[in-house]
C-alpha atoms as a PDB file:
ATOM      1  CA  MET A   1      -1.564 130.061 191.931  1.00  0.00           C
ATOM      2  CA  LEU A   2      -1.432 132.918 194.677  1.00  0.00           C
ATOM      3  CA  ILE A   3      -4.518 131.324 196.186  1.00  0.00           C
ATOM      4  CA  PHE A   4      -2.834 127.894 196.219  1.00  0.00           C
ATOM      5  CA  ILE A   5       0.252 129.321 197.956  1.00  0.00           C
ATOM      6  CA  PHE A   6      -1.583 131.275 200.475  1.00  0.00           C
ATOM      7  CA  SER A   7      -3.898 128.329 201.223  1.00  0.00           C
ATOM      8  CA  MET A   8      -1.130 125.760 201.799  1.00  0.00           C
ATOM      9  CA  GLN A   9       0.631 128.335 203.862  1.00  0.00           C
ATOM     10  CA  ALA A  10      -2.395 129.069 206.138  1.00  0.00           C
ATOM     11  CA  THR A  11      -2.134 125.704 207.701  1.00  0.00           C
ATOM     12  CA  LEU A  12       1.455 126.225 208.884  1.00  0.00           C
ATOM     13  CA  VAL A  13       1.547 129.984 209.862  1.00  0.00           C
ATOM     14  CA  GLY A  14       3.517 130.442 213.093  1.00  0.00           C
ATOM     15  CA  THR A  15       4.558 126.950 213.260  1.00  0.00           C
ATOM     16  CA  PRO A  16       8.379 125.957 213.286  1.00  0.00           C
ATOM     17  CA  ILE A  17       7.714 123.690 210.233  1.00  0.00           C
ATOM     18  CA  SER A  18       6.205 126.698 208.165  1.00  0.00           C
ATOM     19  CA  TRP A  19       8.905 125.823 205.413  1.00  0.00           C
ATOM     20  CA  GLN A  20       7.512 122.400 204.596  1.00  0.00           C
ATOM     21  CA  PHE A  21       5.301 123.285 201.673  1.00  0.00           C
ATOM     22  CA  MET A  22       8.112 125.531 200.046  1.00  0.00           C
ATOM     23  CA  ASN A  23       9.033 123.007 197.279  1.00  0.00           C
ATOM     24  CA  PHE A  24       5.380 122.729 196.226  1.00  0.00           C
ATOM     25  CA  GLN A  25       5.097 126.599 196.308  1.00  0.00           C
ATOM     26  CA  LEU A  26       8.253 126.837 194.310  1.00  0.00           C
ATOM     27  CA  ILE A  27       7.236 124.309 191.585  1.00  0.00           C
ATOM     28  CA  GLY A  28       4.045 126.393 191.342  1.00  0.00           C
ATOM     29  CA  LEU A  29       6.035 129.570 190.621  1.00  0.00           C
ATOM     30  CA  ILE A  30       8.387 127.726 188.309  1.00  0.00           C
ATOM     31  CA  PHE A  31       5.487 126.475 186.290  1.00  0.00           C
ATOM     32  CA  CYS A  32       4.071 130.198 186.107  1.00  0.00           C
ATOM     33  CA  ALA A  33       7.424 131.755 185.436  1.00  0.00           C
ATOM     34  CA  TYR A  34       9.040 129.387 182.917  1.00  0.00           C
ATOM     35  CA  PHE A  35       6.224 127.168 181.285  1.00  0.00           C
ATOM     36  CA  LEU A  36       3.506 129.834 181.243  1.00  0.00           C
ATOM     37  CA  ASN A  37       5.928 132.710 180.812  1.00  0.00           C
ATOM     38  CA  ILE A  38       3.785 134.904 182.770  1.00  0.00           C
ATOM     39  CA  LYS A  39       5.661 138.127 183.424  1.00  0.00           C
ATOM     40  CA  VAL A  40       4.827 139.730 186.720  1.00  0.00           C
ATOM     41  CA  PRO A  41       5.910 143.583 186.858  1.00  0.00           C
ATOM     42  CA  MET A  42       8.151 144.412 189.949  1.00  0.00           C
ATOM     43  CA  TYR A  43       5.499 146.845 191.196  1.00  0.00           C
ATOM     44  CA  TYR A  44       3.205 143.907 191.605  1.00  0.00           C
ATOM     45  CA  PHE A  45       5.653 141.423 192.588  1.00  0.00           C
ATOM     46  CA  PHE A  46       7.167 143.358 195.609  1.00  0.00           C
ATOM     47  CA  PRO A  47       3.860 144.100 197.396  1.00  0.00           C
ATOM     48  CA  ILE A  48       2.951 140.575 196.953  1.00  0.00           C
ATOM     49  CA  MET A  49       6.033 139.332 198.689  1.00  0.00           C
ATOM     50  CA  ILE A  50       5.538 141.870 201.475  1.00  0.00           C
ATOM     51  CA  LEU A  51       1.981 140.734 201.962  1.00  0.00           C
ATOM     52  CA  TYR A  52       3.099 137.121 202.154  1.00  0.00           C
ATOM     53  CA  MET A  53       5.691 137.708 204.657  1.00  0.00           C
ATOM     54  CA  VAL A  54       3.063 139.741 206.709  1.00  0.00           C
ATOM     55  CA  PHE A  55       0.610 136.730 206.388  1.00  0.00           C
ATOM     56  CA  ASN A  56       3.367 134.340 207.192  1.00  0.00           C
ATOM     57  CA  SER A  57       4.552 136.257 210.335  1.00  0.00           C
ATOM     58  CA  SER A  58       8.093 136.501 208.935  1.00  0.00           C
ATOM     59  CA  ILE A  59       8.583 140.164 207.970  1.00  0.00           C
ATOM     60  CA  GLY A  60      10.782 140.790 210.910  1.00  0.00           C
ATOM     61  CA  TYR A  61      13.521 138.171 209.639  1.00  0.00           C
ATOM     62  CA  TRP A  62      16.260 139.190 207.527  1.00  0.00           C
ATOM     63  CA  GLU A  63      16.526 135.634 206.084  1.00  0.00           C
ATOM     64  CA  SER A  64      12.902 136.136 204.789  1.00  0.00           C
ATOM     65  CA  TRP A  65      13.887 139.453 203.114  1.00  0.00           C
ATOM     66  CA  LEU A  66      16.843 137.663 201.368  1.00  0.00           C
ATOM     67  CA  HIS A  67      14.537 134.836 200.574  1.00  0.00           C
ATOM     68  CA  GLY A  68      11.986 137.156 198.898  1.00  0.00           C
ATOM     69  CA  ILE A  69      14.782 138.969 196.836  1.00  0.00           C
ATOM     70  CA  ILE A  70      16.348 135.835 195.503  1.00  0.00           C
ATOM     71  CA  LEU A  71      12.718 134.466 194.706  1.00  0.00           C
ATOM     72  CA  MET A  72      12.013 137.544 192.597  1.00  0.00           C
ATOM     73  CA  ILE A  73      15.441 137.487 190.734  1.00  0.00           C
ATOM     74  CA  PHE A  74      14.742 133.689 190.181  1.00  0.00           C
ATOM     75  CA  TYR A  75      11.310 134.456 188.708  1.00  0.00           C
ATOM     76  CA  ILE A  76      12.476 137.148 186.518  1.00  0.00           C
ATOM     77  CA  SER A  77      15.638 135.068 185.392  1.00  0.00           C
ATOM     78  CA  LEU A  78      13.014 132.315 184.493  1.00  0.00           C
ATOM     79  CA  ASN A  79      11.057 134.421 182.439  1.00  0.00           C
ATOM     80  CA  LYS A  80      14.026 135.598 180.399  1.00  0.00           C
ATOM     81  CA  LEU A  81      15.365 132.064 179.930  1.00  0.00           C
ATOM     82  CA  ARG A  82      12.059 131.021 178.554  1.00  0.00           C
ATOM     83  CA  ARG A  83      11.984 133.885 176.106  1.00  0.00           C
ATOM     84  CA  ARG A  84      15.288 133.014 174.779  1.00  0.00           C
ATOM     85  CA  GLN A  85      14.510 130.458 172.264  1.00  0.00           C
ATOM     86  CA  LYS A  86      18.129 130.056 170.692  1.00  0.00           C
ATOM     87  CA  TYR A  87      19.978 128.140 173.439  1.00  0.00           C
ATOM     88  CA  ARG A  88      20.891 124.634 172.557  1.00  0.00           C
ATOM     89  CA  HIS A  89      20.256 122.849 175.574  1.00  0.00           C
ATOM     90  CA  PRO A  90      17.008 124.177 177.256  1.00  0.00           C
ATOM     91  CA  PHE A  91      16.737 121.425 179.849  1.00  0.00           C
ATOM     92  CA  VAL A  92      20.395 121.809 180.990  1.00  0.00           C
ATOM     93  CA  CYS A  93      19.846 125.556 181.260  1.00  0.00           C
ATOM     94  CA  TYR A  94      16.685 125.130 183.238  1.00  0.00           C
ATOM     95  CA  MET A  95      17.911 122.631 185.680  1.00  0.00           C
ATOM     96  CA  LEU A  96      20.965 124.641 186.133  1.00  0.00           C
ATOM     97  CA  MET A  97      19.122 127.863 187.074  1.00  0.00           C
ATOM     98  CA  GLY A  98      16.551 125.897 189.225  1.00  0.00           C
ATOM     99  CA  THR A  99      19.463 124.003 190.946  1.00  0.00           C
ATOM    100  CA  VAL A 100      21.361 127.275 191.802  1.00  0.00           C
ATOM    101  CA  PHE A 101      18.421 129.341 192.918  1.00  0.00           C
ATOM    102  CA  GLY A 102      16.680 126.251 194.687  1.00  0.00           C
ATOM    103  CA  GLY A 103      19.902 125.832 196.675  1.00  0.00           C
ATOM    104  CA  MET A 104      20.113 129.557 197.679  1.00  0.00           C
ATOM    105  CA  LEU A 105      16.498 129.493 198.862  1.00  0.00           C
ATOM    106  CA  TRP A 106      16.647 126.360 200.841  1.00  0.00           C
ATOM    107  CA  LEU A 107      19.877 127.916 202.409  1.00  0.00           C
ATOM    108  CA  CYS A 108      17.811 130.809 203.574  1.00  0.00           C
ATOM    109  CA  MET A 109      15.399 128.373 205.071  1.00  0.00           C
ATOM    110  CA  LYS A 110      18.140 126.270 206.668  1.00  0.00           C
ATOM    111  CA  ILE A 111      19.511 129.508 208.309  1.00  0.00           C
ATOM    112  CA  LYS A 112      16.179 130.829 209.450  1.00  0.00           C
ATOM    113  CA  PHE A 113      14.895 127.546 210.997  1.00  0.00           C
ATOM    114  CA  GLY A 114      18.274 126.055 212.006  1.00  0.00           C
ATOM    115  CA  LEU A 115      17.583 122.924 209.723  1.00  0.00           C
ATOM    116  CA  PRO A 116      20.101 120.139 210.048  1.00  0.00           C
ATOM    117  CA  MET A 117      22.192 119.670 206.798  1.00  0.00           C
ATOM    118  CA  ALA A 118      20.636 116.275 206.195  1.00  0.00           C
ATOM    119  CA  THR A 119      17.302 118.145 205.854  1.00  0.00           C
ATOM    120  CA  PHE A 120      18.688 120.999 203.692  1.00  0.00           C
ATOM    121  CA  PHE A 121      20.168 118.563 201.194  1.00  0.00           C
ATOM    122  CA  GLU A 122      17.059 116.382 201.324  1.00  0.00           C
ATOM    123  CA  GLU A 123      14.584 119.306 200.578  1.00  0.00           C
ATOM    124  CA  TRP A 124      17.094 120.637 197.881  1.00  0.00           C
ATOM    125  CA  GLY A 125      17.411 117.277 196.125  1.00  0.00           C
ATOM    126  CA  TYR A 126      13.476 116.910 196.203  1.00  0.00           C
ATOM    127  CA  LEU A 127      13.136 120.287 194.505  1.00  0.00           C
ATOM    128  CA  ILE A 128      15.680 119.276 191.768  1.00  0.00           C
ATOM    129  CA  ILE A 129      13.917 115.989 191.095  1.00  0.00           C
ATOM    130  CA  PHE A 130      10.462 117.973 190.942  1.00  0.00           C
ATOM    131  CA  GLU A 131      11.795 120.358 188.465  1.00  0.00           C
ATOM    132  CA  ALA A 132      13.117 117.559 186.355  1.00  0.00           C
ATOM    133  CA  LEU A 133       9.803 115.894 186.433  1.00  0.00           C
ATOM    134  CA  LEU A 134       7.961 119.140 185.646  1.00  0.00           C
ATOM    135  CA  PHE A 135       9.929 119.764 182.550  1.00  0.00           C
ATOM    136  CA  SER A 136       9.574 116.212 181.309  1.00  0.00           C
ATOM    137  CA  TYR A 137       5.769 116.237 182.020  1.00  0.00           C
ATOM    138  CA  VAL A 138       5.055 119.709 180.326  1.00  0.00           C
ATOM    139  CA  GLY A 139       7.352 118.612 177.433  1.00  0.00           C
ATOM    140  CA  MET A 140       5.452 115.347 176.940  1.00  0.00           C
ATOM    141  CA  ILE A 141       2.101 117.390 176.903  1.00  0.00           C
ATOM    142  CA  LEU A 142       3.488 119.961 174.557  1.00  0.00           C
ATOM    143  CA  ARG A 143       4.706 117.252 172.149  1.00  0.00           C
ATOM    144  CA  ASP A 144       1.237 115.650 172.117  1.00  0.00           C
ATOM    145  CA  SER A 145      -0.515 118.889 171.367  1.00  0.00           C
ATOM    146  CA  GLN A 146       1.978 119.665 168.544  1.00  0.00           C
ATOM    147  CA  LEU A 147       1.241 116.190 167.136  1.00  0.00           C
ATOM    148  CA  LYS A 148      -2.561 116.723 167.345  1.00  0.00           C
ATOM    149  CA  ILE A 149      -2.134 120.031 165.776  1.00  0.00           C
ATOM    150  CA  LYS A 150      -0.106 118.773 162.802  1.00  0.00           C
ATOM    151  CA  LEU A 151      -2.570 115.943 162.364  1.00  0.00           C
ATOM    152  CA  LEU A 152      -5.594 118.342 162.274  1.00  0.00           C
ATOM    153  CA  GLN A 153      -3.851 120.553 159.783  1.00  0.00           C
ATOM    154  CA  PHE A 154      -3.026 117.444 157.609  1.00  0.00           C
ATOM    155  CA  ALA A 155      -6.673 116.489 157.965  1.00  0.00           C
ATOM    156  CA  ASN A 156      -8.037 119.781 157.059  1.00  0.00           C
ATOM    157  CA  HIS A 157      -5.600 120.881 154.288  1.00  0.00           C
ATOM    158  CA  ASP A 158      -4.893 120.020 150.787  1.00  0.00           C
ATOM    159  CA  ALA A 159      -1.356 118.813 150.787  1.00  0.00           C
ATOM    160  CA  LEU A 160      -0.929 120.307 147.063  1.00  0.00           C
ATOM    161  CA  THR A 161      -2.157 123.776 147.346  1.00  0.00           C
ATOM    162  CA  LYS A 162      -1.973 124.181 151.038  1.00  0.00           C
ATOM    163  CA  THR A 163      -5.453 125.438 150.969  1.00  0.00           C
ATOM    164  CA  GLU A 164      -8.148 124.120 153.247  1.00  0.00           C
ATOM    165  CA  ASN A 165      -9.874 121.159 151.786  1.00  0.00           C
ATOM    166  CA  TYR A 166     -13.478 119.716 151.531  1.00  0.00           C
ATOM    167  CA  ALA A 167     -13.499 118.329 154.992  1.00  0.00           C
ATOM    168  CA  ALA A 168     -12.577 121.796 156.510  1.00  0.00           C
ATOM    169  CA  TYR A 169     -15.180 123.433 154.229  1.00  0.00           C
ATOM    170  CA  THR A 170     -17.853 121.036 155.355  1.00  0.00           C
ATOM    171  CA  ALA A 171     -17.231 121.778 159.134  1.00  0.00           C
ATOM    172  CA  GLU A 172     -17.026 125.708 158.392  1.00  0.00           C
ATOM    173  CA  ILE A 173     -20.255 125.823 156.279  1.00  0.00           C
ATOM    174  CA  ASN A 174     -22.111 123.883 158.638  1.00  0.00           C
ATOM    175  CA  ASN A 175     -21.236 126.320 161.601  1.00  0.00           C
ATOM    176  CA  LEU A 176     -21.669 129.480 159.584  1.00  0.00           C
ATOM    177  CA  PHE A 177     -25.062 128.062 158.002  1.00  0.00           C
ATOM    178  CA  ASP A 178     -26.374 127.533 161.585  1.00  0.00           C
ATOM    179  CA  SER A 179     -25.233 130.823 162.894  1.00  0.00           C
ATOM    180  CA  SER A 180     -26.465 132.714 159.941  1.00  0.00           C
ATOM    181  CA  SER A 181     -29.873 131.164 160.027  1.00  0.00           C
ATOM    182  CA  LYS A 182     -30.281 131.422 163.815  1.00  0.00           C
ATOM    183  CA  ASN A 183     -28.972 135.152 164.049  1.00  0.00           C
ATOM    184  CA  LYS A 184     -30.118 136.282 160.574  1.00  0.00           C
ATOM    185  CA  LEU A 185     -26.584 137.221 159.386  1.00  0.00           C
ATOM    186  CA  ASP A 186     -25.399 137.483 155.768  1.00  0.00           C
ATOM    187  CA  LEU A 187     -23.484 134.573 154.316  1.00  0.00           C
ATOM    188  CA  SER A 188     -22.305 134.294 150.674  1.00  0.00           C
ATOM    189  CA  MET A 189     -20.263 131.884 148.718  1.00  0.00           C
ATOM    190  CA  MET A 190     -18.382 131.891 145.365  1.00  0.00           C
ATOM    191  CA  MET A 191     -17.674 128.713 143.588  1.00  0.00           C
ATOM    192  CA  PHE A 192     -15.168 128.514 140.452  1.00  0.00           C
ATOM    193  CA  ASP A 193     -13.376 126.026 138.475  1.00  0.00           C
ATOM    194  CA  ILE A 194     -10.582 125.898 135.824  1.00  0.00           C
ATOM    195  CA  TYR A 195     -11.753 125.583 132.270  1.00  0.00           C
ATOM    196  CA  HIS A 196     -10.323 122.590 130.372  1.00  0.00           C
ATOM    197  CA  PHE A 197      -8.188 121.667 133.153  1.00  0.00           C
ATOM    198  CA  LYS A 198      -8.252 117.889 132.110  1.00  0.00           C
ATOM    199  CA  GLN A 199      -6.866 119.039 128.948  1.00  0.00           C
ATOM    200  CA  VAL A 200      -3.884 120.673 130.835  1.00  0.00           C
ATOM    201  CA  ASN A 201      -3.160 117.463 132.507  1.00  0.00           C
ATOM    202  CA  ASP A 202      -3.394 115.351 129.182  1.00  0.00           C
ATOM    203  CA  THR A 203      -1.328 117.776 127.278  1.00  0.00           C
ATOM    204  CA  TYR A 204       1.379 119.061 129.646  1.00  0.00           C
ATOM    205  CA  GLY A 205       1.179 116.172 132.241  1.00  0.00           C
ATOM    206  CA  HIS A 206      -0.017 116.131 135.974  1.00  0.00           C
ATOM    207  CA  LEU A 207       3.062 118.013 137.269  1.00  0.00           C
ATOM    208  CA  ALA A 208       2.024 120.741 135.059  1.00  0.00           C
ATOM    209  CA  GLY A 209      -1.530 120.456 136.294  1.00  0.00           C
ATOM    210  CA  ASP A 210      -0.402 120.486 139.886  1.00  0.00           C
ATOM    211  CA  LYS A 211       1.553 123.681 139.369  1.00  0.00           C
ATOM    212  CA  VAL A 212      -1.507 125.354 137.830  1.00  0.00           C
ATOM    213  CA  LEU A 213      -3.582 124.454 140.796  1.00  0.00           C
ATOM    214  CA  GLN A 214      -0.880 125.757 143.156  1.00  0.00           C
ATOM    215  CA  HIS A 215      -0.508 128.954 141.256  1.00  0.00           C
ATOM    216  CA  VAL A 216      -4.361 129.554 141.152  1.00  0.00           C
ATOM    217  CA  ALA A 217      -4.594 129.124 144.959  1.00  0.00           C
ATOM    218  CA  ASP A 218      -1.572 131.615 145.616  1.00  0.00           C
ATOM    219  CA  VAL A 219      -3.213 134.166 143.450  1.00  0.00           C
ATOM    220  CA  VAL A 220      -6.590 134.002 145.189  1.00  0.00           C
ATOM    221  CA  HIS A 221      -4.967 133.960 148.578  1.00  0.00           C
ATOM    222  CA  THR A 222      -3.136 137.177 147.638  1.00  0.00           C
ATOM    223  CA  VAL A 223      -6.496 138.855 146.662  1.00  0.00           C
ATOM    224  CA  ILE A 224      -8.299 137.698 149.635  1.00  0.00           C
ATOM    225  CA  ASN A 225      -5.623 138.750 152.132  1.00  0.00           C
ATOM    226  CA  ALA A 226      -5.386 142.169 150.547  1.00  0.00           C
ATOM    227  CA  ASN A 227      -9.192 142.480 151.044  1.00  0.00           C
ATOM    228  CA  ASP A 228     -10.369 140.618 154.015  1.00  0.00           C
ATOM    229  CA  PRO A 229      -8.633 137.689 155.791  1.00  0.00           C
ATOM    230  CA  LYS A 230     -12.064 136.573 157.236  1.00  0.00           C
ATOM    231  CA  VAL A 231     -12.953 135.505 153.740  1.00  0.00           C
ATOM    232  CA  LYS A 232     -11.756 131.803 153.079  1.00  0.00           C
ATOM    233  CA  LEU A 233     -10.800 129.642 150.177  1.00  0.00           C
ATOM    234  CA  TYR A 234     -11.399 126.022 150.008  1.00  0.00           C
ATOM    235  CA  ARG A 235     -10.236 123.348 147.326  1.00  0.00           C
ATOM    236  CA  THR A 236     -13.337 121.441 147.245  1.00  0.00           C
ATOM    237  CA  GLY A 237     -12.688 119.198 144.276  1.00  0.00           C
ATOM    238  CA  GLY A 238     -10.111 118.516 141.736  1.00  0.00           C
ATOM    239  CA  GLU A 239     -10.007 121.847 139.989  1.00  0.00           C
ATOM    240  CA  GLU A 240     -12.952 123.193 142.007  1.00  0.00           C
ATOM    241  CA  PHE A 241     -12.755 125.836 144.555  1.00  0.00           C
ATOM    242  CA  ASN A 242     -15.137 127.591 146.981  1.00  0.00           C
ATOM    243  CA  VAL A 243     -14.752 131.012 148.516  1.00  0.00           C
ATOM    244  CA  ILE A 244     -16.906 131.619 151.660  1.00  0.00           C
ATOM    245  CA  PHE A 245     -17.714 135.272 152.702  1.00  0.00           C
ATOM    246  CA  PRO A 246     -19.003 135.323 156.299  1.00  0.00           C
ATOM    247  CA  GLY A 247     -21.191 138.410 156.953  1.00  0.00           C
ATOM    248  CA  TYR A 248     -21.365 139.514 153.279  1.00  0.00           C
ATOM    249  CA  ASP A 249     -24.484 140.052 151.229  1.00  0.00           C
ATOM    250  CA  LEU A 250     -24.183 139.749 147.257  1.00  0.00           C
ATOM    251  CA  ASN A 251     -23.324 143.407 146.786  1.00  0.00           C
ATOM    252  CA  SER A 252     -20.563 143.153 149.226  1.00  0.00           C
ATOM    253  CA  THR A 253     -18.916 140.130 147.681  1.00  0.00           C
ATOM    254  CA  GLU A 254     -18.826 141.941 144.104  1.00  0.00           C
ATOM    255  CA  PRO A 255     -15.487 143.715 144.546  1.00  0.00           C
ATOM    256  CA  ILE A 256     -13.623 140.707 145.730  1.00  0.00           C
ATOM    257  CA  VAL A 257     -15.389 138.405 143.338  1.00  0.00           C
ATOM    258  CA  LYS A 258     -14.360 140.620 140.406  1.00  0.00           C
ATOM    259  CA  GLU A 259     -10.976 140.852 141.559  1.00  0.00           C
ATOM    260  CA  ILE A 260     -10.446 137.323 141.702  1.00  0.00           C
ATOM    261  CA  PHE A 261     -12.319 136.772 138.462  1.00  0.00           C
ATOM    262  CA  ALA A 262      -9.847 139.214 136.697  1.00  0.00           C
ATOM    263  CA  ALA A 263      -6.820 137.878 138.427  1.00  0.00           C
ATOM    264  CA  LEU A 264      -7.226 134.487 137.334  1.00  0.00           C
ATOM    265  CA  ASN A 265      -8.575 134.799 133.813  1.00  0.00           C
ATOM    266  CA  HIS A 266      -6.029 134.621 131.170  1.00  0.00           C
ATOM    267  CA  LEU A 267      -3.318 134.149 133.843  1.00  0.00           C
ATOM    268  CA  ASP A 268      -0.307 132.635 132.375  1.00  0.00           C
ATOM    269  CA  VAL A 269       1.475 129.729 134.089  1.00  0.00           C
ATOM    270  CA  ASN A 270       4.861 129.113 132.800  1.00  0.00           C
ATOM    271  CA  ILE A 271       5.601 125.361 132.541  1.00  0.00           C
ATOM    272  CA  ASP A 272       9.198 124.486 131.292  1.00  0.00           C
ATOM    273  CA  GLY A 273       9.399 127.705 129.238  1.00  0.00           C
ATOM    274  CA  GLU A 274       5.850 127.472 127.808  1.00  0.00           C
ATOM    275  CA  ASP A 275       2.980 129.693 129.077  1.00  0.00           C
ATOM    276  CA  ILE A 276      -0.332 128.014 129.916  1.00  0.00           C
ATOM    277  CA  SER A 277      -3.254 130.632 129.917  1.00  0.00           C
ATOM    278  CA  ILE A 278      -6.023 129.591 132.114  1.00  0.00           C
ATOM    279  CA  THR A 279      -9.759 130.815 132.474  1.00  0.00           C
ATOM    280  CA  ILE A 280     -12.391 130.308 135.142  1.00  0.00           C
ATOM    281  CA  SER A 281     -16.175 130.318 135.436  1.00  0.00           C
ATOM    282  CA  VAL A 282     -17.768 131.613 138.511  1.00  0.00           C
ATOM    283  CA  GLY A 283     -21.072 131.054 140.413  1.00  0.00           C
ATOM    284  CA  VAL A 284     -22.221 133.169 143.378  1.00  0.00           C
ATOM    285  CA  SER A 285     -24.941 133.060 145.725  1.00  0.00           C
ATOM    286  CA  MET A 286     -26.240 134.218 149.183  1.00  0.00           C
ATOM    287  CA  ILE A 287     -27.957 132.218 151.989  1.00  0.00           C
ATOM    288  CA  SER A 288     -31.679 132.102 151.619  1.00  0.00           C
ATOM    289  CA  LYS A 289     -34.588 131.715 154.116  1.00  0.00           C
ATOM    290  CA  LYS A 290     -35.580 128.818 151.919  1.00  0.00           C
ATOM    291  CA  ASP A 291     -32.426 126.995 152.716  1.00  0.00           C
ATOM    292  CA  THR A 292     -32.967 124.260 155.143  1.00  0.00           C
ATOM    293  CA  GLU A 293     -29.373 122.922 155.256  1.00  0.00           C
ATOM    294  CA  PRO A 294     -25.963 123.862 153.929  1.00  0.00           C
ATOM    295  CA  ASN A 295     -26.437 121.557 150.851  1.00  0.00           C
ATOM    296  CA  ASP A 296     -29.380 123.698 149.710  1.00  0.00           C
ATOM    297  CA  PHE A 297     -27.027 126.893 149.625  1.00  0.00           C
ATOM    298  CA  TYR A 298     -24.134 124.750 148.094  1.00  0.00           C
ATOM    299  CA  THR A 299     -26.561 123.444 145.233  1.00  0.00           C
ATOM    300  CA  ARG A 300     -27.580 126.944 144.432  1.00  0.00           C
ATOM    301  CA  VAL A 301     -24.145 128.235 143.986  1.00  0.00           C
ATOM    302  CA  ASP A 302     -23.203 125.072 142.058  1.00  0.00           C
ATOM    303  CA  SER A 303     -26.226 125.761 139.706  1.00  0.00           C
ATOM    304  CA  ASN A 304     -24.886 129.274 139.081  1.00  0.00           C
ATOM    305  CA  LEU A 305     -21.325 127.942 138.170  1.00  0.00           C
ATOM    306  CA  TYR A 306     -23.042 125.401 135.872  1.00  0.00           C
ATOM    307  CA  ARG A 307     -24.866 128.317 134.150  1.00  0.00           C
ATOM    308  CA  SER A 308     -21.736 130.111 133.717  1.00  0.00           C
ATOM    309  CA  LYS A 309     -20.110 127.379 131.834  1.00  0.00           C
ATOM    310  CA  ARG A 310     -23.298 126.616 129.961  1.00  0.00           C
ATOM    311  CA  ASN A 311     -23.649 130.344 128.708  1.00  0.00           C
ATOM    312  CA  GLY A 312     -20.184 130.592 127.229  1.00  0.00           C
ATOM    313  CA  ARG A 313     -17.762 130.336 130.298  1.00  0.00           C
ATOM    314  CA  MET A 314     -15.606 133.024 131.583  1.00  0.00           C
ATOM    315  CA  ARG A 315     -18.514 134.436 133.190  1.00  0.00           C
ATOM    316  CA  ILE A 316     -19.845 135.286 136.630  1.00  0.00           C
ATOM    317  CA  THR A 317     -23.476 134.126 137.338  1.00  0.00           C
ATOM    318  CA  VAL A 318     -25.066 135.877 140.475  1.00  0.00           C
ATOM    319  CA  ALA A 319     -28.430 134.660 141.790  1.00  0.00           C
END
């Protein structure tokens, strides 16, 4: 922004119309101060202002000093206004501040260059219009970005458990698999499912089943967050969940896997005054040189889970 301001001013230095680009420069500063909320310490701002006045051959004018002081106060005030999120009418506050300070800044220019009243009001009016358009444009971009973020979250998250879903798992495992294969990094995965979950739905109803899934996800998230937030949980099927361990070999996964296993087995979920006890089976594996694609890795973890279920359930199979 400084390069932009100095470059524009370079074409007008020493001329009686060196005020002509002021609105564009002010809009640039407003964008930095309010919308980007870039905080500039006074010990940086003041030397930059002095340098600009020297560059613009205006350091000997008291109007330029007054203009610079007002500009610094304007910038700092916009910063503070932006950080205050509780005011009810942000557009009104923003426009009121921009109008008042803009009028004072243009008044300095009017006095310094002897501008006619018509020019003063015209330029001040243009600044007010530019400020309003900038607020509307940035607001439109932010709304669009927030909508895209919400759509992305909706697409990648399971609505019931608030856990990332199979689509998110697929994207993540593809990236991690490629990175781990190329850079020879460790990567491990845990898969578990809830024993006789269909029986829970059939006996207590689907709402009870939903509550069980939510409780399971909450417990696993608690364990993961207490150990390593880089580890991620995904709901990849009805009652099936996967946990990805980036940078972990099998030995490193053991404490977290065992803690999840212990926390979930015989976990009681209260449904209408009745406790439903759940159990899980677990399969764990690590990426291998023989894996040519993520599905090879997934299949091996799934096979280990199947072995746990076949050998009596409530087991952890690691291979």
